[in-house]
Amino acid sequence: MQTRSEQRTGLAYGIAAYTMWGLLPLYWRLLDDAAPSEILAHRMVWSLPVAVVLLAVLRRWSWIGPLLRQPRRLGLILVSTLVISANWFLYIWAVNSGHVLEASLGYFINPLVSIAFGVLVLRERLRPLQWAAVGIGALAVLVMTVAYGRMPWIALALAFSFATYGLVKKGIKLDGIEGFSAETALQLLPALGFLVFLGLRGDASFTTGPGQALLLSACGVATAVPLICFGASAVRLPLTMIGMLQYLAPTFQFLLGLTVFHETMPPERWAGFALVWLALAMLTWDALRTAGRARAALAEAAAQAAAAAPPPEAATEAAPAAAAAQPTAEQPETPRPTGLTQ
């Protein structure tokens, strides 16, 4: 069980991670002169050196050999790499194309999509409140379709791609830094080849100035630092707390879309977002209630076990009697009296 100090540290790391993820639109807008594909390629290329430095500092290399001998896990890593690459590209494109609010909607509805995947793919059973939340989320998508005059495909693509990524990661079973390193290793060569191609065509923005080059090079750090903070948080906080913290990132994105990028929010879009927030509030309440019941059940079981155990004095007195009751060669075995322990 984590101490209060560790939980406070974990909470600080978690808030830092989700705040940085929520503020990433500001960073991608600084790179507006570069095409989303070039930003993505630099993010992939510069993430691997950061991952290698982390592995070297932590001395965590032993997982590489066993992984290379498991084709199925390698295949799953390839799938997760493709899915997260698509997610990254779409998110960067959405931010730099003026769709920050719709991108935030995608990450708001992502927990609902993950729950739907749990039912459809993993055959998990939902509690009534979870079913209600998923139904309200589906209604929110319908309202948003009317509000936008089209299906909110950016939000849905972000939500489904990230939920798929999480589903595939469950089969890989690698820790955060190891999984991040494996994925960026697969991303390196295609991304590097694309950057070379852009350079040969004269379309690369990396060489337009030292400021742009520095910003593009820092994409790896911008990718890795929140992940490190998240990993430090995940080992110190219960899952229910992590689940509530995950709403910080889309909340920051939503506020940026409104106040910094001045995207429009007509009443029908407010209605759609309100439905999503209602669904998330129901999920959070259900998770907290379930966690509280589980803690109460554990406490009750511990209390019952303590009550059933004999007091230390009785155990001390019982030991000689138990020894005397053991059979010897000259004495036939007699039934052990009930209530005594060995």
Protein backbone atom coordinates (compact mmCIF):
# COMPACT_ATOMS: atom_id res chain seq x y z
CA MET A 1 0.00 0.00 0.00
CA GLN A 2 1.31 3.43 -0.99
CA THR A 3 2.00 6.01 1.73
CA ARG A 4 0.37 9.43 1.73
CA SER A 5 3.65 10.99 0.68
CA GLU A 6 3.96 8.64 -2.30
CA GLN A 7 0.37 9.32 -3.31
CA ARG A 8 0.95 13.07 -3.17
CA THR A 9 4.04 12.61 -5.34
CA GLY A 10 2.05 10.43 -7.74
CA LEU A 11 -0.71 13.03 -7.90
CA ALA A 12 1.83 15.75 -8.75
CA TYR A 13 3.34 13.60 -11.51
CA GLY A 14 -0.12 12.75 -12.86
CA ILE A 15 -1.24 16.38 -12.95
CA ALA A 16 2.02 17.32 -14.68
CA ALA A 17 1.61 14.58 -17.31
CA TYR A 18 -1.98 15.36 -18.23
CA THR A 19 -1.37 19.13 -18.10
CA MET A 20 1.49 18.80 -20.57
CA TRP A 21 -0.61 16.59 -22.84
CA GLY A 22 -3.42 19.13 -22.59
CA LEU A 23 -1.15 22.03 -23.51
CA LEU A 24 0.49 20.30 -26.49
CA PRO A 25 -1.73 22.22 -28.97
CA LEU A 26 0.24 25.35 -28.08
CA TYR A 27 3.45 23.56 -29.05
CA TRP A 28 2.10 22.19 -32.33
CA ARG A 29 0.88 25.67 -33.28
CA LEU A 30 4.44 26.96 -32.91
CA LEU A 31 5.34 24.53 -35.70
CA ASP A 32 2.56 25.75 -37.97
CA ASP A 33 5.04 26.48 -40.78
CA ALA A 34 5.79 22.75 -41.08
CA ALA A 35 3.36 20.25 -42.58
CA PRO A 36 1.74 17.84 -40.10
CA SER A 37 3.55 14.94 -41.81
CA GLU A 38 6.93 16.60 -41.25
CA ILE A 39 6.11 17.35 -37.61
CA LEU A 40 5.09 13.73 -37.14
CA ALA A 41 8.30 12.46 -38.74
CA HIS A 42 10.44 14.64 -36.48
CA ARG A 43 8.44 13.50 -33.47
CA MET A 44 9.23 9.90 -34.38
CA VAL A 45 12.92 10.46 -35.17
CA TRP A 46 13.76 12.52 -32.09
CA SER A 47 11.78 10.31 -29.71
CA LEU A 48 14.14 7.35 -30.15
CA PRO A 49 17.29 9.10 -28.79
CA VAL A 50 15.27 10.17 -25.76
CA ALA A 51 14.09 6.58 -25.28
CA VAL A 52 17.65 5.24 -25.57
CA VAL A 53 18.91 7.72 -22.98
CA LEU A 54 16.12 6.67 -20.60
CA LEU A 55 16.92 2.99 -21.06
CA ALA A 56 20.60 3.66 -20.48
CA VAL A 57 19.97 5.63 -17.30
CA LEU A 58 17.59 2.99 -15.94
CA ARG A 59 19.69 0.08 -17.28
CA ARG A 60 16.63 -1.63 -18.67
CA TRP A 61 17.87 -3.61 -21.67
CA SER A 62 17.01 -7.17 -20.64
CA TRP A 63 13.56 -7.10 -22.29
CA ILE A 64 14.94 -6.69 -25.83
CA GLY A 65 16.31 -10.23 -26.32
CA PRO A 66 13.15 -12.10 -25.23
CA LEU A 67 10.99 -9.72 -27.28
CA LEU A 68 12.95 -10.41 -30.49
CA ARG A 69 12.25 -14.13 -30.04
CA GLN A 70 8.48 -13.63 -29.87
CA PRO A 71 7.05 -12.95 -33.35
CA ARG A 72 3.49 -12.54 -32.06
CA ARG A 73 4.45 -9.72 -29.68
CA LEU A 74 6.54 -8.10 -32.40
CA GLY A 75 3.51 -8.18 -34.67
CA LEU A 76 1.37 -6.56 -31.98
CA ILE A 77 4.02 -3.86 -31.50
CA LEU A 78 3.92 -3.19 -35.23
CA VAL A 79 0.13 -2.82 -35.06
CA SER A 80 0.33 -0.51 -32.03
CA THR A 81 3.01 1.55 -33.80
CA LEU A 82 0.82 2.02 -36.88
CA VAL A 83 -2.22 2.93 -34.80
CA ILE A 84 -0.45 5.45 -32.55
CA SER A 85 1.29 6.97 -35.59
CA ALA A 86 -2.11 7.56 -37.21
CA ASN A 87 -3.40 9.02 -33.94
CA TRP A 88 -0.43 11.38 -33.64
CA PHE A 89 -0.77 12.57 -37.25
CA LEU A 90 -4.50 13.20 -36.98
CA TYR A 91 -4.10 15.09 -33.71
CA ILE A 92 -1.34 17.35 -35.09
CA TRP A 93 -3.36 17.96 -38.25
CA ALA A 94 -6.53 18.73 -36.26
CA VAL A 95 -4.75 21.25 -34.04
CA ASN A 96 -3.04 23.07 -36.91
CA SER A 97 -6.23 23.02 -39.00
CA GLY A 98 -8.41 24.73 -36.41
CA HIS A 99 -10.17 21.68 -34.93
CA VAL A 100 -8.88 21.77 -31.34
CA LEU A 101 -12.39 21.53 -29.86
CA GLU A 102 -13.26 18.47 -31.92
CA ALA A 103 -9.91 16.90 -30.98
CA SER A 104 -10.71 17.46 -27.31
CA LEU A 105 -14.10 15.82 -27.88
CA GLY A 106 -12.26 12.75 -29.18
CA TYR A 107 -10.31 12.34 -25.97
CA PHE A 108 -13.41 13.02 -23.87
CA ILE A 109 -15.27 10.14 -25.53
CA ASN A 110 -12.23 7.84 -25.59
CA PRO A 111 -13.13 6.18 -22.22
CA LEU A 112 -16.59 5.39 -23.60
CA VAL A 113 -15.09 3.78 -26.69
CA SER A 114 -12.69 1.78 -24.52
CA ILE A 115 -15.64 0.47 -22.51
CA ALA A 116 -17.45 -0.48 -25.73
CA PHE A 117 -14.31 -2.35 -26.86
CA GLY A 118 -14.27 -4.17 -23.54
CA VAL A 119 -17.79 -5.46 -24.20
CA LEU A 120 -17.41 -6.25 -27.90
CA VAL A 121 -13.86 -7.62 -27.95
CA LEU A 122 -13.01 -8.76 -24.43
CA ARG A 123 -16.55 -9.89 -23.54
CA GLU A 124 -16.55 -7.84 -20.35
CA ARG A 125 -19.76 -7.23 -18.42
CA LEU A 126 -20.91 -3.70 -17.75
CA ARG A 127 -22.67 -2.39 -14.70
CA PRO A 128 -25.96 -0.49 -15.26
CA LEU A 129 -24.36 2.95 -14.88
CA GLN A 130 -21.69 2.03 -17.43
CA TRP A 131 -24.37 0.96 -19.92
CA ALA A 132 -26.16 4.26 -19.33
CA ALA A 133 -22.94 6.23 -19.85
CA VAL A 134 -22.22 4.46 -23.15
CA GLY A 135 -25.79 5.14 -24.31
CA ILE A 136 -25.51 8.84 -23.44
CA GLY A 137 -22.17 8.95 -25.27
CA ALA A 138 -23.81 7.53 -28.40
CA LEU A 139 -26.55 10.17 -28.11
CA ALA A 140 -23.84 12.85 -27.80
CA VAL A 141 -22.28 11.71 -31.08
CA LEU A 142 -25.69 11.98 -32.74
CA VAL A 143 -26.16 15.51 -31.38
CA MET A 144 -22.67 16.46 -32.55
CA THR A 145 -23.42 15.11 -36.02
CA VAL A 146 -26.35 17.50 -36.20
CA ALA A 147 -24.26 20.34 -34.71
CA TYR A 148 -21.39 19.97 -37.20
CA GLY A 149 -23.63 19.09 -40.11
CA ARG A 150 -21.50 15.98 -40.54
CA MET A 151 -20.24 13.05 -38.53
CA PRO A 152 -17.57 14.29 -36.06
CA TRP A 153 -15.04 12.04 -37.75
CA ILE A 154 -11.98 13.73 -36.25
CA ALA A 155 -13.20 13.09 -32.71
CA LEU A 156 -14.31 9.56 -33.54
CA ALA A 157 -11.06 8.69 -35.33
CA LEU A 158 -8.98 9.98 -32.41
CA ALA A 159 -11.13 8.13 -29.86
CA PHE A 160 -11.20 4.84 -31.78
CA SER A 161 -7.49 4.91 -32.68
CA PHE A 162 -6.41 5.57 -29.11
CA ALA A 163 -8.82 2.97 -27.73
CA THR A 164 -7.46 0.47 -30.28
CA TYR A 165 -3.94 1.37 -29.18
CA GLY A 166 -4.83 0.64 -25.56
CA LEU A 167 -6.47 -2.65 -26.53
CA VAL A 168 -3.40 -3.82 -28.48
CA LYS A 169 -1.07 -2.73 -25.67
CA LYS A 170 -2.88 -5.08 -23.29
CA GLY A 171 -1.62 -7.99 -25.41
CA ILE A 172 1.97 -6.71 -25.63
CA LYS A 173 2.47 -6.41 -21.86
CA LEU A 174 5.45 -4.06 -21.88
CA ASP A 175 5.99 -1.26 -19.39
CA GLY A 176 5.65 2.33 -20.56
CA ILE A 177 9.27 3.12 -21.37
CA GLU A 178 9.94 -0.27 -22.97
CA GLY A 179 6.82 -0.05 -25.13
CA PHE A 180 7.62 3.55 -26.10
CA SER A 181 11.17 2.50 -27.05
CA ALA A 182 10.01 -0.45 -29.14
CA GLU A 183 7.47 1.65 -31.03
CA THR A 184 9.86 4.51 -31.73
CA ALA A 185 12.48 2.02 -32.96
CA LEU A 186 9.98 0.81 -35.57
CA GLN A 187 9.07 4.38 -36.48
CA LEU A 188 12.65 5.56 -36.97
CA LEU A 189 13.57 4.32 -40.47
CA PRO A 190 10.32 5.27 -42.26
CA ALA A 191 10.33 8.69 -40.57
CA LEU A 192 14.00 9.30 -41.31
CA GLY A 193 13.51 8.26 -44.94
CA PHE A 194 10.60 10.68 -45.27
CA LEU A 195 12.67 13.55 -43.84
CA VAL A 196 15.50 12.80 -46.26
CA PHE A 197 12.96 12.80 -49.10
CA LEU A 198 11.63 16.20 -47.99
CA GLY A 199 15.17 17.56 -47.79
CA LEU A 200 16.05 16.38 -51.29
CA ARG A 201 12.87 18.01 -52.64
CA GLY A 202 13.63 21.24 -50.81
CA ASP A 203 10.36 21.08 -48.86
CA ALA A 204 11.83 20.58 -45.37
CA SER A 205 11.19 23.39 -42.89
CA PHE A 206 13.95 22.09 -40.60
CA THR A 207 16.55 24.18 -42.43
CA THR A 208 14.53 27.41 -42.51
CA GLY A 209 16.08 28.69 -39.30
CA PRO A 210 17.64 27.67 -35.97
CA GLY A 211 14.42 28.32 -34.06
CA GLN A 212 12.38 26.00 -36.25
CA ALA A 213 15.13 23.34 -36.14
CA LEU A 214 15.24 23.54 -32.33
CA LEU A 215 11.47 23.25 -32.01
CA LEU A 216 11.33 20.23 -34.33
CA SER A 217 14.23 18.57 -32.51
CA ALA A 218 12.45 19.06 -29.18
CA CYS A 219 9.47 17.00 -30.38
CA GLY A 220 11.09 13.93 -28.84
CA VAL A 221 11.33 15.58 -25.44
CA ALA A 222 7.75 16.87 -25.73
CA THR A 223 6.66 13.30 -26.39
CA ALA A 224 8.75 11.56 -23.73
CA VAL A 225 8.51 13.87 -20.69
CA PRO A 226 4.72 13.52 -20.19
CA LEU A 227 5.08 9.76 -20.64
CA ILE A 228 7.75 9.61 -17.92
CA CYS A 229 5.57 11.63 -15.55
CA PHE A 230 2.61 9.39 -16.33
CA GLY A 231 4.67 6.27 -15.58
CA ALA A 232 5.80 7.72 -12.26
CA SER A 233 2.19 8.55 -11.43
CA ALA A 234 0.75 5.18 -12.45
CA VAL A 235 2.88 3.24 -9.95
CA ARG A 236 1.88 5.50 -7.06
CA LEU A 237 -1.85 6.12 -7.59
CA PRO A 238 -4.89 3.84 -7.67
CA LEU A 239 -6.53 3.31 -11.06
CA THR A 240 -9.62 5.28 -10.03
CA MET A 241 -7.47 8.37 -9.46
CA ILE A 242 -5.67 7.87 -12.78
CA GLY A 243 -9.06 7.53 -14.45
CA MET A 244 -10.17 10.91 -13.11
CA LEU A 245 -6.90 12.63 -13.98
CA GLN A 246 -7.18 11.59 -17.63
CA TYR A 247 -9.96 14.15 -18.13
CA LEU A 248 -7.50 16.98 -17.45
CA ALA A 249 -5.90 16.78 -20.91
CA PRO A 250 -9.07 17.18 -23.01
CA THR A 251 -10.29 19.84 -20.57
CA PHE A 252 -7.18 21.92 -21.21
CA GLN A 253 -7.56 21.31 -24.96
CA PHE A 254 -11.19 22.42 -24.79
CA LEU A 255 -10.27 25.61 -22.92
CA LEU A 256 -7.48 26.38 -25.39
CA GLY A 257 -9.87 25.91 -28.31
CA LEU A 258 -12.29 28.39 -26.75
CA THR A 259 -9.99 31.04 -25.28
CA VAL A 260 -6.76 30.93 -27.28
CA PHE A 261 -7.76 29.67 -30.73
CA HIS A 262 -11.26 31.23 -30.58
CA GLU A 263 -13.11 28.34 -32.21
CA THR A 264 -16.88 28.68 -32.38
CA MET A 265 -19.23 26.83 -30.01
CA PRO A 266 -22.88 27.19 -31.03
CA PRO A 267 -25.54 25.97 -28.56
CA GLU A 268 -25.97 22.57 -30.23
CA ARG A 269 -22.26 21.81 -29.76
CA TRP A 270 -22.53 22.82 -26.11
CA ALA A 271 -25.38 20.34 -25.84
CA GLY A 272 -23.24 17.57 -27.32
CA PHE A 273 -20.33 18.31 -24.99
CA ALA A 274 -22.73 18.49 -22.02
CA LEU A 275 -23.99 14.98 -22.82
CA VAL A 276 -20.42 13.68 -22.98
CA TRP A 277 -19.57 15.31 -19.66
CA LEU A 278 -22.71 13.78 -18.12
CA ALA A 279 -21.63 10.33 -19.33
CA LEU A 280 -18.12 10.84 -17.90
CA ALA A 281 -19.54 12.01 -14.57
CA MET A 282 -21.61 8.81 -14.40
CA LEU A 283 -18.53 6.70 -15.18
CA THR A 284 -16.50 8.49 -12.51
CA TRP A 285 -19.24 8.09 -9.90
CA ASP A 286 -19.59 4.40 -10.73
CA ALA A 287 -15.82 3.86 -10.51
CA LEU A 288 -15.56 5.65 -7.16
CA ARG A 289 -18.54 3.76 -5.74
CA THR A 290 -17.18 0.41 -6.92
CA ALA A 291 -13.72 1.16 -5.52
CA GLY A 292 -15.27 2.21 -2.20
CA ARG A 293 -17.24 -1.02 -1.97
CA ALA A 294 -14.13 -3.04 -2.77
CA ARG A 295 -12.16 -1.28 -0.03
CA ALA A 296 -14.99 -1.83 2.44
CA ALA A 297 -15.15 -5.53 1.54
CA LEU A 298 -11.40 -5.90 2.02
CA ALA A 299 -11.55 -4.13 5.38
CA GLU A 300 -14.43 -6.35 6.51
CA ALA A 301 -12.58 -9.50 5.40
CA ALA A 302 -9.47 -8.37 7.28
CA ALA A 303 -11.51 -7.66 10.40
CA GLN A 304 -13.17 -11.08 10.24
CA ALA A 305 -9.80 -12.79 9.79
CA ALA A 306 -8.41 -10.90 12.78
CA ALA A 307 -11.42 -11.84 14.90
CA ALA A 308 -11.14 -15.52 13.97
CA ALA A 309 -7.44 -15.74 14.84
CA PRO A 310 -6.72 -16.85 18.44
CA PRO A 311 -5.10 -14.32 20.77
CA PRO A 312 -1.31 -14.66 21.29
CA GLU A 313 -1.78 -16.05 24.83
CA ALA A 314 -4.09 -18.81 23.60
CA ALA A 315 -1.67 -19.73 20.85
CA THR A 316 1.18 -19.98 23.38
CA GLU A 317 -0.86 -22.23 25.67
CA ALA A 318 -2.05 -24.35 22.74
CA ALA A 319 1.45 -25.18 21.52
CA PRO A 320 2.40 -27.63 24.35
CA ALA A 321 -0.99 -29.32 24.12
CA ALA A 322 -0.62 -29.74 20.39
CA ALA A 323 2.85 -31.23 20.88
CA ALA A 324 1.54 -33.65 23.50
CA ALA A 325 -1.24 -34.73 21.16
CA GLN A 326 1.23 -35.87 18.47
CA PRO A 327 1.48 -39.71 18.19
CA THR A 328 4.60 -41.54 19.31
CA ALA A 329 5.84 -45.03 18.66
CA GLU A 330 4.48 -46.24 22.02
CA GLN A 331 1.29 -44.15 22.03
CA PRO A 332 -1.46 -44.54 19.40
CA GLU A 333 -2.61 -41.40 17.61
CA THR A 334 -5.59 -39.68 19.21
CA PRO A 335 -7.91 -37.25 17.47
CA ARG A 336 -6.60 -33.65 17.49
CA PRO A 337 -8.90 -31.45 19.58
CA THR A 338 -10.83 -28.90 17.56
CA GLY A 339 -9.84 -25.26 17.91
CA LEU A 340 -6.09 -25.93 18.14
CA THR A 341 -3.57 -24.90 15.51
CA GLN A 342 -0.28 -26.44 14.67
